Amino acid sequence: MVEFLIEKLHDPKMMASVFAAIAAMATVITLAMPLLARNDLNRRMNAVSVEREKMRQRERERLARGDKVQLRQTPKQFMKRIVDQFNLNKWVGQEQAREKLIQAGFRGNAPYVTYLFFRLVSPVVAFMVTAFYLFFVLQMDRPATIKLGMALFAAFVGMQLPYLFLKNKITKRQLSVRRAFPDALDLLLICVESGMSIEAAFRKVSQEIGSQSIPLAEELTLTTAELSYLQDRKVAYENLARRTDLEGVRAVCVALQQSERYGTPLGQTLRVMAQENRDMRMSEAEKKAAALPPKLTVPMILFFLPVLFVVILGPAAIRVMAIQ
């Protein structure tokens, strides 16, 4: 059985068929993903409500000076045991990892332990799979040191995979927040000028903006909870800027802090910041549009021009061959 599998892995036609099937399946899944996408707004908002209740309970416990209660979701025991045994908190970087997880939308100790666990397991798995393939399946005519170096490189790539996954989640989340933030500022301006407090305005905007950006609705709901229960309102704005890690959101948070500190009109501040964020969004769109022609040059040369030459010169070549 093993010899049959190894023989099939060395068969070019078989591998080409497998890769073609994988490509066709990936194309079908890509086209079907928008149809199968779920509306996670209610689930995410319920999760934020649970986080707000946890924050309220922690503040009550702190004010009562009682024993602290563990309210967050506990990680899986085998993951936590491995993380504690290898003391992964030191060599991965605790604060930086937690900050990146929060920016990606993962809160609590369970995602942190899971992230550290996969930072340890993924390089080991990548090394073992690559070494098995190079030494036993592929049987390359190369020295063992080269094979070992390739396996070590695969282990390095495996170690970076959890960070790349986390970075991808952060990028998608920031893109969603960046696109919806100017509209959220307009709604916030309308609420403030109608006489609402800043807490009520944040709560109302978080409910309305959820259909456009679920991550932004989640962040605004958490900010509403922090404004209600934290003693220093400045900390709530700083946490919002830290969770999103966007220049536009950070500027708005600083403006809100200065408005509360110096008593400047909040409506005028929000109007100016909304216009600035809208200009930033427009300039970014113009920058991407200007960079599109150079990016299309190489694909056109490699894929469009050969097909165009075949279509134009093909009939003439066929007639010449027929005459000869």
C-alpha atoms as a PDB file:
ATOM      1  CA  MET A   1       0.000   0.000   0.000  1.00  0.00           C
ATOM      2  CA  VAL A   2       2.805   2.395   0.908  1.00  0.00           C
ATOM      3  CA  GLU A   3       4.680   1.582  -2.296  1.00  0.00           C
ATOM      4  CA  PHE A   4       1.521   2.211  -4.311  1.00  0.00           C
ATOM      5  CA  LEU A   5       1.081   5.638  -2.694  1.00  0.00           C
ATOM      6  CA  ILE A   6       4.728   6.522  -3.288  1.00  0.00           C
ATOM      7  CA  GLU A   7       4.409   5.458  -6.919  1.00  0.00           C
ATOM      8  CA  LYS A   8       1.331   7.642  -7.368  1.00  0.00           C
ATOM      9  CA  LEU A   9       3.093  10.595  -5.764  1.00  0.00           C
ATOM     10  CA  HIS A  10       5.874  10.268  -8.366  1.00  0.00           C
ATOM     11  CA  ASP A  11       3.407  10.039 -11.261  1.00  0.00           C
ATOM     12  CA  PRO A  12       3.293  13.472 -13.012  1.00  0.00           C
ATOM     13  CA  LYS A  13      -0.149  12.854 -14.546  1.00  0.00           C
ATOM     14  CA  MET A  14      -1.601  11.829 -11.195  1.00  0.00           C
ATOM     15  CA  MET A  15      -0.178  14.881  -9.387  1.00  0.00           C
ATOM     16  CA  ALA A  16      -1.375  17.179 -12.187  1.00  0.00           C
ATOM     17  CA  SER A  17      -4.872  15.712 -11.859  1.00  0.00           C
ATOM     18  CA  VAL A  18      -4.818  16.196  -8.092  1.00  0.00           C
ATOM     19  CA  PHE A  19      -3.672  19.808  -8.387  1.00  0.00           C
ATOM     20  CA  ALA A  20      -6.284  20.478 -11.071  1.00  0.00           C
ATOM     21  CA  ALA A  21      -9.002  19.039  -8.834  1.00  0.00           C
ATOM     22  CA  ILE A  22      -7.813  21.175  -5.913  1.00  0.00           C
ATOM     23  CA  ALA A  23      -7.803  24.293  -8.107  1.00  0.00           C
ATOM     24  CA  ALA A  24     -11.312  23.547  -9.394  1.00  0.00           C
ATOM     25  CA  MET A  25     -12.581  22.965  -5.864  1.00  0.00           C
ATOM     26  CA  ALA A  26     -10.980  26.199  -4.649  1.00  0.00           C
ATOM     27  CA  THR A  27     -12.634  28.095  -7.519  1.00  0.00           C
ATOM     28  CA  VAL A  28     -16.057  26.665  -6.682  1.00  0.00           C
ATOM     29  CA  ILE A  29     -15.613  27.464  -2.985  1.00  0.00           C
ATOM     30  CA  THR A  30     -14.481  31.020  -3.786  1.00  0.00           C
ATOM     31  CA  LEU A  31     -17.538  31.631  -5.957  1.00  0.00           C
ATOM     32  CA  ALA A  32     -19.882  30.073  -3.397  1.00  0.00           C
ATOM     33  CA  MET A  33     -18.501  31.847  -0.329  1.00  0.00           C
ATOM     34  CA  PRO A  34     -20.624  35.018  -0.734  1.00  0.00           C
ATOM     35  CA  LEU A  35     -23.753  32.870  -0.997  1.00  0.00           C
ATOM     36  CA  LEU A  36     -22.863  30.880   2.116  1.00  0.00           C
ATOM     37  CA  ALA A  37     -21.775  33.872   4.218  1.00  0.00           C
ATOM     38  CA  ARG A  38     -23.689  34.249   7.478  1.00  0.00           C
ATOM     39  CA  ASN A  39     -24.751  37.402   9.222  1.00  0.00           C
ATOM     40  CA  ASP A  40     -22.720  37.326  12.432  1.00  0.00           C
ATOM     41  CA  LEU A  41     -23.968  40.669  13.726  1.00  0.00           C
ATOM     42  CA  ASN A  42     -26.261  39.238  16.400  1.00  0.00           C
ATOM     43  CA  ARG A  43     -23.681  36.740  17.585  1.00  0.00           C
ATOM     44  CA  ARG A  44     -20.923  39.336  17.814  1.00  0.00           C
ATOM     45  CA  MET A  45     -23.151  41.856  19.579  1.00  0.00           C
ATOM     46  CA  ASN A  46     -24.195  39.188  22.076  1.00  0.00           C
ATOM     47  CA  ALA A  47     -20.527  38.473  22.717  1.00  0.00           C
ATOM     48  CA  VAL A  48     -19.933  42.169  23.334  1.00  0.00           C
ATOM     49  CA  SER A  49     -22.874  42.268  25.737  1.00  0.00           C
ATOM     50  CA  VAL A  50     -21.337  39.377  27.645  1.00  0.00           C
ATOM     51  CA  GLU A  51     -18.027  41.263  27.755  1.00  0.00           C
ATOM     52  CA  ARG A  52     -19.826  44.323  29.133  1.00  0.00           C
ATOM     53  CA  GLU A  53     -21.452  42.252  31.867  1.00  0.00           C
ATOM     54  CA  LYS A  54     -18.068  40.798  32.748  1.00  0.00           C
ATOM     55  CA  MET A  55     -16.596  44.295  32.990  1.00  0.00           C
ATOM     56  CA  ARG A  56     -19.444  45.390  35.233  1.00  0.00           C
ATOM     57  CA  GLN A  57     -18.927  42.392  37.486  1.00  0.00           C
ATOM     58  CA  ARG A  58     -15.184  43.061  37.726  1.00  0.00           C
ATOM     59  CA  GLU A  59     -15.792  46.673  38.729  1.00  0.00           C
ATOM     60  CA  ARG A  60     -18.278  45.577  41.377  1.00  0.00           C
ATOM     61  CA  GLU A  61     -15.814  43.080  42.732  1.00  0.00           C
ATOM     62  CA  ARG A  62     -13.084  45.694  42.816  1.00  0.00           C
ATOM     63  CA  LEU A  63     -15.277  48.225  44.589  1.00  0.00           C
ATOM     64  CA  ALA A  64     -16.415  45.655  47.111  1.00  0.00           C
ATOM     65  CA  ARG A  65     -12.766  44.503  47.539  1.00  0.00           C
ATOM     66  CA  GLY A  66     -13.837  40.898  47.518  1.00  0.00           C
ATOM     67  CA  ASP A  67     -12.216  37.884  45.934  1.00  0.00           C
ATOM     68  CA  LYS A  68     -11.689  38.106  42.219  1.00  0.00           C
ATOM     69  CA  VAL A  69     -13.935  35.909  40.107  1.00  0.00           C
ATOM     70  CA  GLN A  70     -12.725  34.272  36.901  1.00  0.00           C
ATOM     71  CA  LEU A  71     -15.384  35.214  34.358  1.00  0.00           C
ATOM     72  CA  ARG A  72     -13.565  34.710  31.079  1.00  0.00           C
ATOM     73  CA  GLN A  73     -13.651  31.535  29.080  1.00  0.00           C
ATOM     74  CA  THR A  74     -11.024  29.098  30.307  1.00  0.00           C
ATOM     75  CA  PRO A  75      -8.640  27.580  27.747  1.00  0.00           C
ATOM     76  CA  LYS A  76      -8.446  23.878  27.038  1.00  0.00           C
ATOM     77  CA  GLN A  77      -6.533  22.052  29.721  1.00  0.00           C
ATOM     78  CA  PHE A  78      -4.065  20.204  27.503  1.00  0.00           C
ATOM     79  CA  MET A  79      -3.104  23.438  25.731  1.00  0.00           C
ATOM     80  CA  LYS A  80      -2.680  25.293  29.011  1.00  0.00           C
ATOM     81  CA  ARG A  81      -0.617  22.446  30.450  1.00  0.00           C
ATOM     82  CA  ILE A  82       1.757  22.423  27.466  1.00  0.00           C
ATOM     83  CA  VAL A  83       2.106  26.219  27.537  1.00  0.00           C
ATOM     84  CA  ASP A  84       2.914  26.163  31.248  1.00  0.00           C
ATOM     85  CA  GLN A  85       5.366  23.271  30.964  1.00  0.00           C
ATOM     86  CA  PHE A  86       7.411  24.901  28.208  1.00  0.00           C
ATOM     87  CA  ASN A  87       7.033  28.384  29.762  1.00  0.00           C
ATOM     88  CA  LEU A  88       5.999  29.931  26.468  1.00  0.00           C
ATOM     89  CA  ASN A  89       4.975  33.229  28.075  1.00  0.00           C
ATOM     90  CA  LYS A  90       8.591  34.424  28.143  1.00  0.00           C
ATOM     91  CA  TRP A  91      10.018  33.639  24.718  1.00  0.00           C
ATOM     92  CA  VAL A  92       6.903  34.597  22.696  1.00  0.00           C
ATOM     93  CA  GLY A  93       6.343  37.978  24.363  1.00  0.00           C
ATOM     94  CA  GLN A  94       3.272  38.210  26.535  1.00  0.00           C
ATOM     95  CA  GLU A  95       2.222  41.842  26.170  1.00  0.00           C
ATOM     96  CA  GLN A  96       2.851  42.021  22.434  1.00  0.00           C
ATOM     97  CA  ALA A  97       0.957  38.782  21.791  1.00  0.00           C
ATOM     98  CA  ARG A  98      -2.003  39.918  23.897  1.00  0.00           C
ATOM     99  CA  GLU A  99      -2.111  43.266  22.134  1.00  0.00           C
ATOM    100  CA  LYS A 100      -2.117  41.626  18.705  1.00  0.00           C
ATOM    101  CA  LEU A 101      -4.873  39.233  19.774  1.00  0.00           C
ATOM    102  CA  ILE A 102      -7.008  42.115  21.012  1.00  0.00           C
ATOM    103  CA  GLN A 103      -6.484  43.967  17.734  1.00  0.00           C
ATOM    104  CA  ALA A 104      -7.622  40.824  15.887  1.00  0.00           C
ATOM    105  CA  GLY A 105     -10.774  40.610  18.019  1.00  0.00           C
ATOM    106  CA  PHE A 106      -9.692  37.731  20.290  1.00  0.00           C
ATOM    107  CA  ARG A 107     -10.103  38.569  23.965  1.00  0.00           C
ATOM    108  CA  GLY A 108      -9.469  36.620  27.117  1.00  0.00           C
ATOM    109  CA  ASN A 109      -6.941  34.047  28.212  1.00  0.00           C
ATOM    110  CA  ALA A 110      -8.243  31.183  26.032  1.00  0.00           C
ATOM    111  CA  PRO A 111      -7.204  32.723  22.663  1.00  0.00           C
ATOM    112  CA  TYR A 112      -3.847  33.705  24.170  1.00  0.00           C
ATOM    113  CA  VAL A 113      -3.091  30.147  25.303  1.00  0.00           C
ATOM    114  CA  THR A 114      -4.285  28.769  21.947  1.00  0.00           C
ATOM    115  CA  TYR A 115      -1.990  31.162  20.085  1.00  0.00           C
ATOM    116  CA  LEU A 116       1.038  30.157  22.173  1.00  0.00           C
ATOM    117  CA  PHE A 117       0.169  26.487  21.728  1.00  0.00           C
ATOM    118  CA  PHE A 118       0.105  26.733  17.949  1.00  0.00           C
ATOM    119  CA  ARG A 119       3.315  28.773  17.944  1.00  0.00           C
ATOM    120  CA  LEU A 120       4.930  25.705  19.532  1.00  0.00           C
ATOM    121  CA  VAL A 121       3.138  22.921  17.649  1.00  0.00           C
ATOM    122  CA  SER A 122       3.123  24.287  14.086  1.00  0.00           C
ATOM    123  CA  PRO A 123       6.938  24.345  13.599  1.00  0.00           C
ATOM    124  CA  VAL A 124       7.261  20.811  14.999  1.00  0.00           C
ATOM    125  CA  VAL A 125       4.539  19.505  12.698  1.00  0.00           C
ATOM    126  CA  ALA A 126       5.986  21.337   9.689  1.00  0.00           C
ATOM    127  CA  PHE A 127       9.468  19.952  10.420  1.00  0.00           C
ATOM    128  CA  MET A 128       8.241  16.366  10.811  1.00  0.00           C
ATOM    129  CA  VAL A 129       6.049  16.417   7.692  1.00  0.00           C
ATOM    130  CA  THR A 130       8.776  17.997   5.544  1.00  0.00           C
ATOM    131  CA  ALA A 131      11.454  15.638   6.831  1.00  0.00           C
ATOM    132  CA  PHE A 132       9.249  12.583   6.202  1.00  0.00           C
ATOM    133  CA  TYR A 133       8.468  13.769   2.676  1.00  0.00           C
ATOM    134  CA  LEU A 134      12.091  14.543   1.816  1.00  0.00           C
ATOM    135  CA  PHE A 135      13.722  11.458   3.340  1.00  0.00           C
ATOM    136  CA  PHE A 136      11.116   8.734   2.733  1.00  0.00           C
ATOM    137  CA  VAL A 137       8.656   9.823   0.029  1.00  0.00           C
ATOM    138  CA  LEU A 138      10.546  12.039  -2.415  1.00  0.00           C
ATOM    139  CA  GLN A 139      13.966  10.402  -1.967  1.00  0.00           C
ATOM    140  CA  MET A 140      15.923  13.343  -3.322  1.00  0.00           C
ATOM    141  CA  ASP A 141      19.465  12.745  -4.570  1.00  0.00           C
ATOM    142  CA  ARG A 142      20.864  15.410  -2.253  1.00  0.00           C
ATOM    143  CA  PRO A 143      23.024  15.324   0.875  1.00  0.00           C
ATOM    144  CA  ALA A 144      21.297  14.885   4.203  1.00  0.00           C
ATOM    145  CA  THR A 145      22.427  18.330   5.358  1.00  0.00           C
ATOM    146  CA  ILE A 146      20.509  20.000   2.507  1.00  0.00           C
ATOM    147  CA  LYS A 147      17.386  18.008   3.343  1.00  0.00           C
ATOM    148  CA  LEU A 148      17.768  18.886   7.004  1.00  0.00           C
ATOM    149  CA  GLY A 149      18.166  22.560   6.100  1.00  0.00           C
ATOM    150  CA  MET A 150      14.971  22.456   4.050  1.00  0.00           C
ATOM    151  CA  ALA A 151      13.153  20.843   6.971  1.00  0.00           C
ATOM    152  CA  LEU A 152      14.448  23.541   9.319  1.00  0.00           C
ATOM    153  CA  PHE A 153      13.265  26.217   6.907  1.00  0.00           C
ATOM    154  CA  ALA A 154       9.820  24.564   6.884  1.00  0.00           C
ATOM    155  CA  ALA A 155       9.868  24.663  10.690  1.00  0.00           C
ATOM    156  CA  PHE A 156      10.637  28.382  10.592  1.00  0.00           C
ATOM    157  CA  VAL A 157       7.729  28.928   8.194  1.00  0.00           C
ATOM    158  CA  GLY A 158       5.506  26.875  10.495  1.00  0.00           C
ATOM    159  CA  MET A 159       6.473  29.056  13.446  1.00  0.00           C
ATOM    160  CA  GLN A 160       5.436  32.166  11.497  1.00  0.00           C
ATOM    161  CA  LEU A 161       2.102  30.749  10.349  1.00  0.00           C
ATOM    162  CA  PRO A 162       0.120  31.657  13.529  1.00  0.00           C
ATOM    163  CA  TYR A 163       1.513  35.193  13.419  1.00  0.00           C
ATOM    164  CA  LEU A 164       0.634  35.516   9.718  1.00  0.00           C
ATOM    165  CA  PHE A 165      -2.885  34.291  10.446  1.00  0.00           C
ATOM    166  CA  LEU A 166      -3.192  36.828  13.251  1.00  0.00           C
ATOM    167  CA  LYS A 167      -1.821  39.610  11.057  1.00  0.00           C
ATOM    168  CA  ASN A 168      -4.309  38.739   8.334  1.00  0.00           C
ATOM    169  CA  LYS A 169      -7.191  38.941  10.818  1.00  0.00           C
ATOM    170  CA  ILE A 170      -5.930  42.322  12.056  1.00  0.00           C
ATOM    171  CA  THR A 171      -5.679  43.660   8.501  1.00  0.00           C
ATOM    172  CA  LYS A 172      -9.219  42.584   7.623  1.00  0.00           C
ATOM    173  CA  ARG A 173     -10.581  44.025  10.853  1.00  0.00           C
ATOM    174  CA  GLN A 174      -8.799  47.339  10.353  1.00  0.00           C
ATOM    175  CA  LEU A 175     -10.032  47.561   6.769  1.00  0.00           C
ATOM    176  CA  SER A 176     -13.625  47.091   7.910  1.00  0.00           C
ATOM    177  CA  VAL A 177     -13.235  49.715  10.632  1.00  0.00           C
ATOM    178  CA  ARG A 178     -11.483  52.187   8.330  1.00  0.00           C
ATOM    179  CA  ARG A 179     -14.223  52.026   5.703  1.00  0.00           C
ATOM    180  CA  ALA A 180     -17.115  52.522   8.135  1.00  0.00           C
ATOM    181  CA  PHE A 181     -15.514  54.972  10.575  1.00  0.00           C
ATOM    182  CA  PRO A 182     -16.361  58.237   8.705  1.00  0.00           C
ATOM    183  CA  ASP A 183     -20.024  57.236   8.545  1.00  0.00           C
ATOM    184  CA  ALA A 184     -19.916  56.341  12.235  1.00  0.00           C
ATOM    185  CA  LEU A 185     -18.535  59.805  13.010  1.00  0.00           C
ATOM    186  CA  ASP A 186     -21.403  61.408  11.053  1.00  0.00           C
ATOM    187  CA  LEU A 187     -23.920  59.392  13.054  1.00  0.00           C
ATOM    188  CA  LEU A 188     -22.100  60.279  16.264  1.00  0.00           C
ATOM    189  CA  LEU A 189     -22.232  63.963  15.320  1.00  0.00           C
ATOM    190  CA  ILE A 190     -25.985  63.768  14.705  1.00  0.00           C
ATOM    191  CA  CYS A 191     -26.554  62.064  18.056  1.00  0.00           C
ATOM    192  CA  VAL A 192     -24.421  64.570  19.977  1.00  0.00           C
ATOM    193  CA  GLU A 193     -26.027  67.595  18.355  1.00  0.00           C
ATOM    194  CA  SER A 194     -29.482  66.179  19.134  1.00  0.00           C
ATOM    195  CA  GLY A 195     -28.657  66.348  22.845  1.00  0.00           C
ATOM    196  CA  MET A 196     -27.439  62.837  23.620  1.00  0.00           C
ATOM    197  CA  SER A 197     -24.570  62.207  25.974  1.00  0.00           C
ATOM    198  CA  ILE A 198     -21.414  60.723  24.542  1.00  0.00           C
ATOM    199  CA  GLU A 199     -22.203  57.303  26.111  1.00  0.00           C
ATOM    200  CA  ALA A 200     -25.706  57.216  24.631  1.00  0.00           C
ATOM    201  CA  ALA A 201     -24.339  58.398  21.287  1.00  0.00           C
ATOM    202  CA  PHE A 202     -21.747  55.623  21.199  1.00  0.00           C
ATOM    203  CA  ARG A 203     -24.426  53.062  22.083  1.00  0.00           C
ATOM    204  CA  LYS A 204     -26.781  54.277  19.369  1.00  0.00           C
ATOM    205  CA  VAL A 205     -24.067  54.407  16.723  1.00  0.00           C
ATOM    206  CA  SER A 206     -22.903  50.901  17.607  1.00  0.00           C
ATOM    207  CA  GLN A 207     -26.418  49.619  16.960  1.00  0.00           C
ATOM    208  CA  GLU A 208     -26.761  51.419  13.629  1.00  0.00           C
ATOM    209  CA  ILE A 209     -23.278  50.822  12.212  1.00  0.00           C
ATOM    210  CA  GLY A 210     -23.377  47.047  12.764  1.00  0.00           C
ATOM    211  CA  SER A 211     -24.913  46.404   9.344  1.00  0.00           C
ATOM    212  CA  GLN A 212     -21.893  48.081   7.718  1.00  0.00           C
ATOM    213  CA  SER A 213     -19.024  47.000   9.987  1.00  0.00           C
ATOM    214  CA  ILE A 214     -19.414  44.421  12.750  1.00  0.00           C
ATOM    215  CA  PRO A 215     -15.895  45.000  14.194  1.00  0.00           C
ATOM    216  CA  LEU A 216     -16.554  48.741  14.529  1.00  0.00           C
ATOM    217  CA  ALA A 217     -19.895  48.089  16.222  1.00  0.00           C
ATOM    218  CA  GLU A 218     -18.149  45.751  18.627  1.00  0.00           C
ATOM    219  CA  GLU A 219     -15.429  48.273  19.467  1.00  0.00           C
ATOM    220  CA  LEU A 220     -17.933  51.098  20.006  1.00  0.00           C
ATOM    221  CA  THR A 221     -20.027  48.901  22.292  1.00  0.00           C
ATOM    222  CA  LEU A 222     -16.963  48.067  24.376  1.00  0.00           C
ATOM    223  CA  THR A 223     -16.086  51.767  24.520  1.00  0.00           C
ATOM    224  CA  THR A 224     -19.627  52.507  25.745  1.00  0.00           C
ATOM    225  CA  ALA A 225     -19.180  49.995  28.537  1.00  0.00           C
ATOM    226  CA  GLU A 226     -15.791  51.434  29.502  1.00  0.00           C
ATOM    227  CA  LEU A 227     -17.151  54.993  29.508  1.00  0.00           C
ATOM    228  CA  SER A 228     -19.902  53.860  31.852  1.00  0.00           C
ATOM    229  CA  TYR A 229     -17.835  51.899  34.352  1.00  0.00           C
ATOM    230  CA  LEU A 230     -14.249  53.154  34.283  1.00  0.00           C
ATOM    231  CA  GLN A 231     -13.331  55.982  36.615  1.00  0.00           C
ATOM    232  CA  ASP A 232     -11.142  57.792  34.066  1.00  0.00           C
ATOM    233  CA  ARG A 233     -12.871  58.351  30.724  1.00  0.00           C
ATOM    234  CA  LYS A 234      -9.495  59.010  29.127  1.00  0.00           C
ATOM    235  CA  VAL A 235      -8.624  55.328  29.571  1.00  0.00           C
ATOM    236  CA  ALA A 236     -11.692  54.303  27.527  1.00  0.00           C
ATOM    237  CA  TYR A 237     -10.602  56.427  24.564  1.00  0.00           C
ATOM    238  CA  GLU A 238      -7.017  55.171  24.828  1.00  0.00           C
ATOM    239  CA  ASN A 239      -8.255  51.570  24.848  1.00  0.00           C
ATOM    240  CA  LEU A 240     -10.318  52.212  21.719  1.00  0.00           C
ATOM    241  CA  ALA A 241      -7.274  53.616  19.906  1.00  0.00           C
ATOM    242  CA  ARG A 242      -5.119  50.715  21.091  1.00  0.00           C
ATOM    243  CA  ARG A 243      -7.636  48.046  20.041  1.00  0.00           C
ATOM    244  CA  THR A 244      -8.092  49.436  16.534  1.00  0.00           C
ATOM    245  CA  ASP A 245      -4.506  50.664  15.955  1.00  0.00           C
ATOM    246  CA  LEU A 246      -5.644  53.109  13.256  1.00  0.00           C
ATOM    247  CA  GLU A 247      -4.356  56.641  12.821  1.00  0.00           C
ATOM    248  CA  GLY A 248      -7.808  58.091  12.157  1.00  0.00           C
ATOM    249  CA  VAL A 249      -9.366  56.485  15.227  1.00  0.00           C
ATOM    250  CA  ARG A 250      -6.409  57.552  17.363  1.00  0.00           C
ATOM    251  CA  ALA A 251      -6.803  61.173  16.208  1.00  0.00           C
ATOM    252  CA  VAL A 252     -10.509  61.132  17.038  1.00  0.00           C
ATOM    253  CA  CYS A 253      -9.825  59.689  20.485  1.00  0.00           C
ATOM    254  CA  VAL A 254      -7.258  62.417  21.193  1.00  0.00           C
ATOM    255  CA  ALA A 255      -9.737  65.050  20.015  1.00  0.00           C
ATOM    256  CA  LEU A 256     -12.436  63.653  22.297  1.00  0.00           C
ATOM    257  CA  GLN A 257     -10.040  63.700  25.240  1.00  0.00           C
ATOM    258  CA  GLN A 258      -9.088  67.307  24.576  1.00  0.00           C
ATOM    259  CA  SER A 259     -12.729  68.271  24.131  1.00  0.00           C
ATOM    260  CA  GLU A 260     -13.631  66.895  27.545  1.00  0.00           C
ATOM    261  CA  ARG A 261     -10.526  68.349  29.164  1.00  0.00           C
ATOM    262  CA  TYR A 262     -10.711  71.902  27.786  1.00  0.00           C
ATOM    263  CA  GLY A 263     -14.467  72.162  27.219  1.00  0.00           C
ATOM    264  CA  THR A 264     -14.368  72.733  23.458  1.00  0.00           C
ATOM    265  CA  PRO A 265     -17.608  72.068  21.514  1.00  0.00           C
ATOM    266  CA  LEU A 266     -17.869  68.368  20.846  1.00  0.00           C
ATOM    267  CA  GLY A 267     -20.029  68.756  17.731  1.00  0.00           C
ATOM    268  CA  GLN A 268     -17.504  70.945  15.961  1.00  0.00           C
ATOM    269  CA  THR A 269     -14.708  68.525  16.831  1.00  0.00           C
ATOM    270  CA  LEU A 270     -16.614  65.555  15.458  1.00  0.00           C
ATOM    271  CA  ARG A 271     -17.525  67.437  12.266  1.00  0.00           C
ATOM    272  CA  VAL A 272     -13.893  68.289  11.552  1.00  0.00           C
ATOM    273  CA  MET A 273     -12.671  64.759  12.331  1.00  0.00           C
ATOM    274  CA  ALA A 274     -15.390  63.181  10.165  1.00  0.00           C
ATOM    275  CA  GLN A 275     -14.330  65.304   7.201  1.00  0.00           C
ATOM    276  CA  GLU A 276     -10.674  64.459   7.765  1.00  0.00           C
ATOM    277  CA  ASN A 277     -11.386  60.715   7.922  1.00  0.00           C
ATOM    278  CA  ARG A 278     -13.488  60.935   4.777  1.00  0.00           C
ATOM    279  CA  ASP A 279     -10.652  62.749   3.001  1.00  0.00           C
ATOM    280  CA  MET A 280      -8.223  60.080   4.185  1.00  0.00           C
ATOM    281  CA  ARG A 281     -10.480  57.343   2.843  1.00  0.00           C
ATOM    282  CA  MET A 282     -10.786  59.127  -0.515  1.00  0.00           C
ATOM    283  CA  SER A 283      -7.029  59.685  -0.777  1.00  0.00           C
ATOM    284  CA  GLU A 284      -6.398  56.016  -0.036  1.00  0.00           C
ATOM    285  CA  ALA A 285      -8.865  55.013  -2.769  1.00  0.00           C
ATOM    286  CA  GLU A 286      -7.152  57.370  -5.219  1.00  0.00           C
ATOM    287  CA  LYS A 287      -3.760  55.939  -4.276  1.00  0.00           C
ATOM    288  CA  LYS A 288      -4.960  52.396  -4.977  1.00  0.00           C
ATOM    289  CA  ALA A 289      -6.491  53.483  -8.283  1.00  0.00           C
ATOM    290  CA  ALA A 290      -3.243  55.155  -9.330  1.00  0.00           C
ATOM    291  CA  ALA A 291      -1.254  52.011  -8.478  1.00  0.00           C
ATOM    292  CA  LEU A 292      -3.535  49.758 -10.532  1.00  0.00           C
ATOM    293  CA  PRO A 293      -2.002  50.271 -14.041  1.00  0.00           C
ATOM    294  CA  PRO A 294       1.557  49.266 -12.996  1.00  0.00           C
ATOM    295  CA  LYS A 295       0.175  46.195 -11.229  1.00  0.00           C
ATOM    296  CA  LEU A 296      -1.749  45.149 -14.335  1.00  0.00           C
ATOM    297  CA  THR A 297       1.275  45.434 -16.626  1.00  0.00           C
ATOM    298  CA  VAL A 298       2.871  42.084 -15.760  1.00  0.00           C
ATOM    299  CA  PRO A 299      -0.403  40.047 -15.860  1.00  0.00           C
ATOM    300  CA  MET A 300      -1.275  41.579 -19.220  1.00  0.00           C
ATOM    301  CA  ILE A 301       2.141  40.714 -20.652  1.00  0.00           C
ATOM    302  CA  LEU A 302       2.050  37.152 -19.337  1.00  0.00           C
ATOM    303  CA  PHE A 303      -1.591  36.212 -19.899  1.00  0.00           C
ATOM    304  CA  PHE A 304      -3.451  38.638 -22.182  1.00  0.00           C
ATOM    305  CA  LEU A 305      -0.929  39.404 -24.908  1.00  0.00           C
ATOM    306  CA  PRO A 306      -0.057  35.752 -25.798  1.00  0.00           C
ATOM    307  CA  VAL A 307      -3.751  34.890 -26.122  1.00  0.00           C
ATOM    308  CA  LEU A 308      -4.314  38.021 -28.212  1.00  0.00           C
ATOM    309  CA  PHE A 309      -1.443  37.106 -30.526  1.00  0.00           C
ATOM    310  CA  VAL A 310      -2.825  33.572 -30.924  1.00  0.00           C
ATOM    311  CA  VAL A 311      -6.284  34.911 -31.798  1.00  0.00           C
ATOM    312  CA  ILE A 312      -4.936  37.469 -34.282  1.00  0.00           C
ATOM    313  CA  LEU A 313      -2.143  35.445 -35.906  1.00  0.00           C
ATOM    314  CA  GLY A 314      -3.713  32.013 -35.561  1.00  0.00           C
ATOM    315  CA  PRO A 315      -5.925  32.107 -38.704  1.00  0.00           C
ATOM    316  CA  ALA A 316      -3.075  33.508 -40.802  1.00  0.00           C
ATOM    317  CA  ALA A 317      -0.729  30.775 -39.580  1.00  0.00           C
ATOM    318  CA  ILE A 318      -3.333  28.109 -40.377  1.00  0.00           C
ATOM    319  CA  ARG A 319      -3.741  29.413 -43.934  1.00  0.00           C
ATOM    320  CA  VAL A 320       0.015  29.515 -44.472  1.00  0.00           C
ATOM    321  CA  MET A 321       0.332  25.944 -43.248  1.00  0.00           C
ATOM    322  CA  ALA A 322      -2.565  24.868 -45.488  1.00  0.00           C
ATOM    323  CA  ILE A 323      -0.964  26.465 -48.583  1.00  0.00           C
ATOM    324  CA  GLN A 324       2.355  24.782 -47.913  1.00  0.00           C
END
